[in-house]
Amino acid sequence: MDQNRGFFFTLGSINALLTPLPVELTHFEVINEECSNRIEWTTSSESNSDYFILERSFDMTQWEQVGIVKGAGNSIQTLDYLYRDNSFEINGMIYYRIVQVDYDGAST
């Protein structure tokens, strides 16, 4: 993980009226601490959000699940989430992504 570089993410939909995203993600950050990576994200609203799956990759091709965090269900409040990844043993770049899963099993 290179602490001198920024982290960027993009969420999108072709038509917000027909295919709204179930979660408004307003912040995502990974902070390297001694022997762990702290993954933080913030949502400003959630609709039918059951849980989040945290995944990591060393090459952005092969992804592995590192944790699950319970979602808020339905919310119009700002909510902060935190997960610590303590299980990696590699130096270099690590990529993270979040998969949001609805109550019906659909994921984004």
C-alpha atoms as a PDB file:
ATOM      1  CA  MET A   1       0.000   0.000   0.000  1.00  0.00           C
ATOM      2  CA  ASP A   2       1.423   3.340  -1.034  1.00  0.00           C
ATOM      3  CA  GLN A   3       0.426   5.989   1.487  1.00  0.00           C
ATOM      4  CA  ASN A   4       1.492   8.796  -0.865  1.00  0.00           C
ATOM      5  CA  ARG A   5      -1.237   7.978  -3.379  1.00  0.00           C
ATOM      6  CA  GLY A   6      -4.929   8.704  -3.132  1.00  0.00           C
ATOM      7  CA  PHE A   7      -7.694   6.132  -3.225  1.00  0.00           C
ATOM      8  CA  PHE A   8     -10.451   6.571  -5.762  1.00  0.00           C
ATOM      9  CA  PHE A   9     -13.736   4.778  -6.351  1.00  0.00           C
ATOM     10  CA  THR A  10     -16.629   5.214  -8.738  1.00  0.00           C
ATOM     11  CA  LEU A  11     -20.246   4.183  -8.448  1.00  0.00           C
ATOM     12  CA  GLY A  12     -22.669   4.552 -11.290  1.00  0.00           C
ATOM     13  CA  SER A  13     -25.985   3.700 -12.846  1.00  0.00           C
ATOM     14  CA  ILE A  14     -27.306   4.085 -16.370  1.00  0.00           C
ATOM     15  CA  ASN A  15     -30.639   5.490 -15.185  1.00  0.00           C
ATOM     16  CA  ALA A  16     -31.044   6.557 -11.563  1.00  0.00           C
ATOM     17  CA  LEU A  17     -34.858   6.395 -11.817  1.00  0.00           C
ATOM     18  CA  LEU A  18     -34.950   2.801 -13.063  1.00  0.00           C
ATOM     19  CA  THR A  19     -31.852   1.349 -11.403  1.00  0.00           C
ATOM     20  CA  PRO A  20     -31.052   3.335  -8.250  1.00  0.00           C
ATOM     21  CA  LEU A  21     -28.067   2.223  -6.246  1.00  0.00           C
ATOM     22  CA  PRO A  22     -29.094   0.743  -2.873  1.00  0.00           C
ATOM     23  CA  VAL A  23     -26.356   2.605  -0.978  1.00  0.00           C
ATOM     24  CA  GLU A  24     -24.974   6.125  -1.262  1.00  0.00           C
ATOM     25  CA  LEU A  25     -21.282   5.698  -0.480  1.00  0.00           C
ATOM     26  CA  THR A  26     -19.724   9.039   0.461  1.00  0.00           C
ATOM     27  CA  HIS A  27     -16.335   7.993   1.839  1.00  0.00           C
ATOM     28  CA  PHE A  28     -13.958   5.055   1.423  1.00  0.00           C
ATOM     29  CA  GLU A  29     -10.439   4.951   2.845  1.00  0.00           C
ATOM     30  CA  VAL A  30      -7.813   2.372   3.710  1.00  0.00           C
ATOM     31  CA  ILE A  31      -5.290   3.353   6.355  1.00  0.00           C
ATOM     32  CA  ASN A  32      -2.189   1.275   6.906  1.00  0.00           C
ATOM     33  CA  GLU A  33      -1.429   0.806  10.579  1.00  0.00           C
ATOM     34  CA  GLU A  34       1.158  -1.353  12.251  1.00  0.00           C
ATOM     35  CA  CYS A  35       0.364  -4.959  11.211  1.00  0.00           C
ATOM     36  CA  SER A  36      -3.118  -4.147   9.828  1.00  0.00           C
ATOM     37  CA  ASN A  37      -5.112  -2.139   7.321  1.00  0.00           C
ATOM     38  CA  ARG A  38      -8.062  -0.147   8.669  1.00  0.00           C
ATOM     39  CA  ILE A  39     -10.873   0.039   6.102  1.00  0.00           C
ATOM     40  CA  GLU A  40     -13.374   2.829   6.699  1.00  0.00           C
ATOM     41  CA  TRP A  41     -16.411   3.830   4.676  1.00  0.00           C
ATOM     42  CA  THR A  42     -19.432   6.062   5.130  1.00  0.00           C
ATOM     43  CA  THR A  43     -22.916   5.835   3.662  1.00  0.00           C
ATOM     44  CA  SER A  44     -25.405   8.701   3.552  1.00  0.00           C
ATOM     45  CA  SER A  45     -28.355   6.408   2.831  1.00  0.00           C
ATOM     46  CA  GLU A  46     -29.095   2.693   2.525  1.00  0.00           C
ATOM     47  CA  SER A  47     -32.054   0.824   1.051  1.00  0.00           C
ATOM     48  CA  ASN A  48     -32.555  -2.878   1.883  1.00  0.00           C
ATOM     49  CA  SER A  49     -28.851  -3.171   2.745  1.00  0.00           C
ATOM     50  CA  ASP A  50     -28.270  -6.515   4.452  1.00  0.00           C
ATOM     51  CA  TYR A  51     -24.452  -6.576   4.632  1.00  0.00           C
ATOM     52  CA  PHE A  52     -21.162  -5.557   3.042  1.00  0.00           C
ATOM     53  CA  ILE A  53     -18.484  -8.000   1.891  1.00  0.00           C
ATOM     54  CA  LEU A  54     -14.906  -6.703   2.057  1.00  0.00           C
ATOM     55  CA  GLU A  55     -12.583  -8.139  -0.587  1.00  0.00           C
ATOM     56  CA  ARG A  56      -8.894  -7.686  -1.327  1.00  0.00           C
ATOM     57  CA  SER A  57      -6.617  -8.368  -4.248  1.00  0.00           C
ATOM     58  CA  PHE A  58      -2.932  -8.140  -4.962  1.00  0.00           C
ATOM     59  CA  ASP A  59      -3.408  -7.899  -8.756  1.00  0.00           C
ATOM     60  CA  MET A  60      -6.994  -6.551  -9.235  1.00  0.00           C
ATOM     61  CA  THR A  61      -7.868  -9.832 -10.985  1.00  0.00           C
ATOM     62  CA  GLN A  62      -8.131 -12.412  -8.213  1.00  0.00           C
ATOM     63  CA  TRP A  63     -10.292 -11.229  -5.284  1.00  0.00           C
ATOM     64  CA  GLU A  64     -10.688 -12.894  -1.904  1.00  0.00           C
ATOM     65  CA  GLN A  65     -13.196 -12.213   0.833  1.00  0.00           C
ATOM     66  CA  VAL A  66     -11.663 -10.844   4.030  1.00  0.00           C
ATOM     67  CA  GLY A  67     -14.755  -9.979   6.045  1.00  0.00           C
ATOM     68  CA  ILE A  68     -18.455  -9.247   6.327  1.00  0.00           C
ATOM     69  CA  VAL A  69     -20.002  -6.217   8.029  1.00  0.00           C
ATOM     70  CA  LYS A  70     -23.723  -5.947   8.778  1.00  0.00           C
ATOM     71  CA  GLY A  71     -25.559  -3.179   6.887  1.00  0.00           C
ATOM     72  CA  ALA A  72     -28.188  -0.849   8.334  1.00  0.00           C
ATOM     73  CA  GLY A  73     -31.107  -2.115   6.275  1.00  0.00           C
ATOM     74  CA  ASN A  74     -32.911   1.122   5.506  1.00  0.00           C
ATOM     75  CA  SER A  75     -31.427   4.416   6.599  1.00  0.00           C
ATOM     76  CA  ILE A  76     -31.292   8.060   5.569  1.00  0.00           C
ATOM     77  CA  GLN A  77     -28.662   8.898   8.199  1.00  0.00           C
ATOM     78  CA  THR A  78     -24.918   9.149   7.737  1.00  0.00           C
ATOM     79  CA  LEU A  79     -23.391   5.891   8.977  1.00  0.00           C
ATOM     80  CA  ASP A  80     -19.709   5.098   9.491  1.00  0.00           C
ATOM     81  CA  TYR A  81     -18.297   1.585   9.081  1.00  0.00           C
ATOM     82  CA  LEU A  82     -14.952   0.080  10.055  1.00  0.00           C
ATOM     83  CA  TYR A  83     -13.176  -3.200   9.356  1.00  0.00           C
ATOM     84  CA  ARG A  84      -9.587  -4.183  10.205  1.00  0.00           C
ATOM     85  CA  ASP A  85      -7.707  -6.518   7.883  1.00  0.00           C
ATOM     86  CA  ASN A  86      -5.085  -8.241  10.051  1.00  0.00           C
ATOM     87  CA  SER A  87      -4.665 -11.385   7.962  1.00  0.00           C
ATOM     88  CA  PHE A  88      -2.327 -10.416   5.136  1.00  0.00           C
ATOM     89  CA  GLU A  89       1.370 -11.248   5.003  1.00  0.00           C
ATOM     90  CA  ILE A  90       2.650  -9.392   1.976  1.00  0.00           C
ATOM     91  CA  ASN A  91       4.529  -6.203   1.283  1.00  0.00           C
ATOM     92  CA  GLY A  92       3.433  -4.085  -1.647  1.00  0.00           C
ATOM     93  CA  MET A  93       0.160  -2.872  -3.096  1.00  0.00           C
ATOM     94  CA  ILE A  94      -3.116  -4.275  -1.786  1.00  0.00           C
ATOM     95  CA  TYR A  95      -6.449  -3.351  -3.397  1.00  0.00           C
ATOM     96  CA  TYR A  96      -9.761  -3.390  -1.544  1.00  0.00           C
ATOM     97  CA  ARG A  97     -13.354  -3.272  -2.689  1.00  0.00           C
ATOM     98  CA  ILE A  98     -16.763  -3.413  -1.045  1.00  0.00           C
ATOM     99  CA  VAL A  99     -19.651  -5.535  -2.274  1.00  0.00           C
ATOM    100  CA  GLN A 100     -23.062  -4.467  -0.927  1.00  0.00           C
ATOM    101  CA  VAL A 101     -25.657  -7.260  -0.611  1.00  0.00           C
ATOM    102  CA  ASP A 102     -29.426  -6.648  -0.356  1.00  0.00           C
ATOM    103  CA  TYR A 103     -31.898  -8.722   1.686  1.00  0.00           C
ATOM    104  CA  ASP A 104     -32.890 -10.548  -1.521  1.00  0.00           C
ATOM    105  CA  GLY A 105     -29.270 -11.541  -2.249  1.00  0.00           C
ATOM    106  CA  ALA A 106     -28.712  -9.019  -5.063  1.00  0.00           C
ATOM    107  CA  SER A 107     -25.281  -7.416  -4.897  1.00  0.00           C
ATOM    108  CA  THR A 108     -23.636  -4.242  -6.139  1.00  0.00           C
END
